[in-house]
């Protein structure tokens, strides 16, 4: 993952994708694999959220193109800074639990 997150509302195209995705959230997990944390969740664009089984979970390295960047303001900037710190602490805890 990069050292920053894209803002909510950002529209991206993913590797192997034919539909664009709009970022709607961060640090999501699948029910089937709660130990894996994805950088983002999103919905198809322009249709939006239609059904609960159409949520897309993906990581930053899957993004091949950014078509639109969502709103960036002070509140969003502060939240994303907190999110980076939270994610770094989470990754550190995961590493420590491996007991290498």
C-alpha atoms as a PDB file:
ATOM      1  CA  UNK A   1       0.000   0.000   0.000  1.00  0.00           C
ATOM      2  CA  UNK A   2       1.133   3.529  -0.683  1.00  0.00           C
ATOM      3  CA  UNK A   3       1.878   5.943   2.108  1.00  0.00           C
ATOM      4  CA  UNK A   4      -1.434   7.711   1.533  1.00  0.00           C
ATOM      5  CA  UNK A   5      -5.054   6.880   0.838  1.00  0.00           C
ATOM      6  CA  UNK A   6      -7.172   8.398  -1.916  1.00  0.00           C
ATOM      7  CA  UNK A   7     -10.217  10.382  -0.727  1.00  0.00           C
ATOM      8  CA  UNK A   8     -13.743   8.984  -0.672  1.00  0.00           C
ATOM      9  CA  UNK A   9     -15.484   9.767  -3.936  1.00  0.00           C
ATOM     10  CA  UNK A  10     -12.383   9.062  -6.002  1.00  0.00           C
ATOM     11  CA  UNK A  11     -13.175   7.134  -9.194  1.00  0.00           C
ATOM     12  CA  UNK A  12     -10.612   4.533 -10.289  1.00  0.00           C
ATOM     13  CA  UNK A  13     -10.106   1.687 -12.725  1.00  0.00           C
ATOM     14  CA  UNK A  14      -8.638  -1.544 -11.355  1.00  0.00           C
ATOM     15  CA  UNK A  15      -6.297  -4.015 -13.047  1.00  0.00           C
ATOM     16  CA  UNK A  16      -8.383  -6.367 -15.175  1.00  0.00           C
ATOM     17  CA  UNK A  17     -11.490  -4.230 -14.679  1.00  0.00           C
ATOM     18  CA  UNK A  18     -13.929  -2.992 -17.276  1.00  0.00           C
ATOM     19  CA  UNK A  19     -16.089  -0.829 -14.937  1.00  0.00           C
ATOM     20  CA  UNK A  20     -14.805   2.042 -12.861  1.00  0.00           C
ATOM     21  CA  UNK A  21     -15.090   1.949  -9.072  1.00  0.00           C
ATOM     22  CA  UNK A  22     -15.881   4.846  -6.722  1.00  0.00           C
ATOM     23  CA  UNK A  23     -14.123   4.655  -3.357  1.00  0.00           C
ATOM     24  CA  UNK A  24     -16.657   4.595  -0.521  1.00  0.00           C
ATOM     25  CA  UNK A  25     -14.575   3.501   2.477  1.00  0.00           C
ATOM     26  CA  UNK A  26     -11.325   2.235   3.939  1.00  0.00           C
ATOM     27  CA  UNK A  27      -9.769  -0.766   5.720  1.00  0.00           C
ATOM     28  CA  UNK A  28     -12.498  -3.302   5.035  1.00  0.00           C
ATOM     29  CA  UNK A  29     -12.499  -7.057   5.585  1.00  0.00           C
ATOM     30  CA  UNK A  30     -14.333  -9.934   3.929  1.00  0.00           C
ATOM     31  CA  UNK A  31     -16.600 -12.130   6.026  1.00  0.00           C
ATOM     32  CA  UNK A  32     -14.855 -15.183   4.560  1.00  0.00           C
ATOM     33  CA  UNK A  33     -11.377 -13.930   5.471  1.00  0.00           C
ATOM     34  CA  UNK A  34     -11.507 -11.502   8.420  1.00  0.00           C
ATOM     35  CA  UNK A  35      -7.710 -11.548   8.787  1.00  0.00           C
ATOM     36  CA  UNK A  36      -7.147  -9.768   5.458  1.00  0.00           C
ATOM     37  CA  UNK A  37      -7.613  -6.006   5.495  1.00  0.00           C
ATOM     38  CA  UNK A  38      -8.186  -4.294   2.157  1.00  0.00           C
ATOM     39  CA  UNK A  39      -7.162  -0.661   1.646  1.00  0.00           C
ATOM     40  CA  UNK A  40     -10.486   0.365   0.101  1.00  0.00           C
ATOM     41  CA  UNK A  41     -14.086  -0.573  -0.531  1.00  0.00           C
ATOM     42  CA  UNK A  42     -16.143   0.827  -3.343  1.00  0.00           C
ATOM     43  CA  UNK A  43     -19.132   0.586  -5.619  1.00  0.00           C
ATOM     44  CA  UNK A  44     -19.415   0.497  -9.391  1.00  0.00           C
ATOM     45  CA  UNK A  45     -19.501   3.859 -11.113  1.00  0.00           C
ATOM     46  CA  UNK A  46     -21.762   5.479 -12.232  1.00  0.00           C
ATOM     47  CA  UNK A  47     -24.450   3.068 -11.002  1.00  0.00           C
ATOM     48  CA  UNK A  48     -23.463   3.256  -7.329  1.00  0.00           C
ATOM     49  CA  UNK A  49     -24.460   0.903  -4.543  1.00  0.00           C
ATOM     50  CA  UNK A  50     -27.215  -1.385  -5.834  1.00  0.00           C
ATOM     51  CA  UNK A  51     -26.957  -4.571  -3.734  1.00  0.00           C
ATOM     52  CA  UNK A  52     -24.871  -5.634  -0.749  1.00  0.00           C
ATOM     53  CA  UNK A  53     -23.136  -8.350  -2.777  1.00  0.00           C
ATOM     54  CA  UNK A  54     -21.737  -5.746  -5.180  1.00  0.00           C
ATOM     55  CA  UNK A  55     -19.260  -4.143  -2.794  1.00  0.00           C
ATOM     56  CA  UNK A  56     -15.748  -4.180  -4.206  1.00  0.00           C
ATOM     57  CA  UNK A  57     -12.789  -4.658  -1.841  1.00  0.00           C
ATOM     58  CA  UNK A  58      -9.391  -3.761  -3.251  1.00  0.00           C
ATOM     59  CA  UNK A  59      -5.884  -2.579  -2.480  1.00  0.00           C
ATOM     60  CA  UNK A  60      -4.059   0.490  -3.703  1.00  0.00           C
ATOM     61  CA  UNK A  61      -1.695  -1.530  -5.885  1.00  0.00           C
ATOM     62  CA  UNK A  62      -4.661  -2.767  -7.948  1.00  0.00           C
ATOM     63  CA  UNK A  63      -5.444   0.760  -9.161  1.00  0.00           C
ATOM     64  CA  UNK A  64      -4.203   1.398 -12.695  1.00  0.00           C
ATOM     65  CA  UNK A  65      -5.928   4.724 -13.355  1.00  0.00           C
ATOM     66  CA  UNK A  66      -7.484   7.559 -11.347  1.00  0.00           C
ATOM     67  CA  UNK A  67     -10.229   9.351 -13.305  1.00  0.00           C
ATOM     68  CA  UNK A  68     -11.474  11.685 -10.569  1.00  0.00           C
ATOM     69  CA  UNK A  69     -10.146  12.587  -7.127  1.00  0.00           C
ATOM     70  CA  UNK A  70     -12.723  12.992  -4.354  1.00  0.00           C
ATOM     71  CA  UNK A  71     -13.088  15.974  -2.043  1.00  0.00           C
ATOM     72  CA  UNK A  72      -9.997  16.967  -0.092  1.00  0.00           C
ATOM     73  CA  UNK A  73     -10.396  19.381   2.802  1.00  0.00           C
ATOM     74  CA  UNK A  74      -8.968  19.802   6.304  1.00  0.00           C
ATOM     75  CA  UNK A  75     -11.354  17.282   7.890  1.00  0.00           C
ATOM     76  CA  UNK A  76     -10.560  14.662   5.251  1.00  0.00           C
ATOM     77  CA  UNK A  77      -6.814  15.339   5.492  1.00  0.00           C
ATOM     78  CA  UNK A  78      -6.870  14.936   9.298  1.00  0.00           C
ATOM     79  CA  UNK A  79      -8.891  11.712   9.041  1.00  0.00           C
ATOM     80  CA  UNK A  80      -6.555  10.212   6.442  1.00  0.00           C
ATOM     81  CA  UNK A  81      -3.546  11.048   8.617  1.00  0.00           C
ATOM     82  CA  UNK A  82      -5.202   9.227  11.530  1.00  0.00           C
ATOM     83  CA  UNK A  83      -6.027   6.323   9.189  1.00  0.00           C
ATOM     84  CA  UNK A  84      -2.392   6.000   8.107  1.00  0.00           C
ATOM     85  CA  UNK A  85      -1.283   5.898  11.741  1.00  0.00           C
ATOM     86  CA  UNK A  86      -3.981   3.347  12.587  1.00  0.00           C
ATOM     87  CA  UNK A  87      -3.035   1.159   9.618  1.00  0.00           C
ATOM     88  CA  UNK A  88       0.665   1.302  10.521  1.00  0.00           C
ATOM     89  CA  UNK A  89      -0.111   0.271  14.110  1.00  0.00           C
ATOM     90  CA  UNK A  90      -2.348  -2.551  12.869  1.00  0.00           C
ATOM     91  CA  UNK A  91       0.386  -3.854  10.564  1.00  0.00           C
ATOM     92  CA  UNK A  92       2.939  -3.655  13.384  1.00  0.00           C
ATOM     93  CA  UNK A  93       0.625  -5.693  15.646  1.00  0.00           C
ATOM     94  CA  UNK A  94       0.182  -8.300  12.886  1.00  0.00           C
ATOM     95  CA  UNK A  95       3.966  -8.598  12.522  1.00  0.00           C
ATOM     96  CA  UNK A  96       4.468  -8.912  16.283  1.00  0.00           C
ATOM     97  CA  UNK A  97       1.844 -11.667  16.488  1.00  0.00           C
ATOM     98  CA  UNK A  98       3.809 -13.724  13.952  1.00  0.00           C
ATOM     99  CA  UNK A  99       6.485 -14.140  16.645  1.00  0.00           C
ATOM    100  CA  UNK A 100       9.352 -14.301  14.162  1.00  0.00           C
END
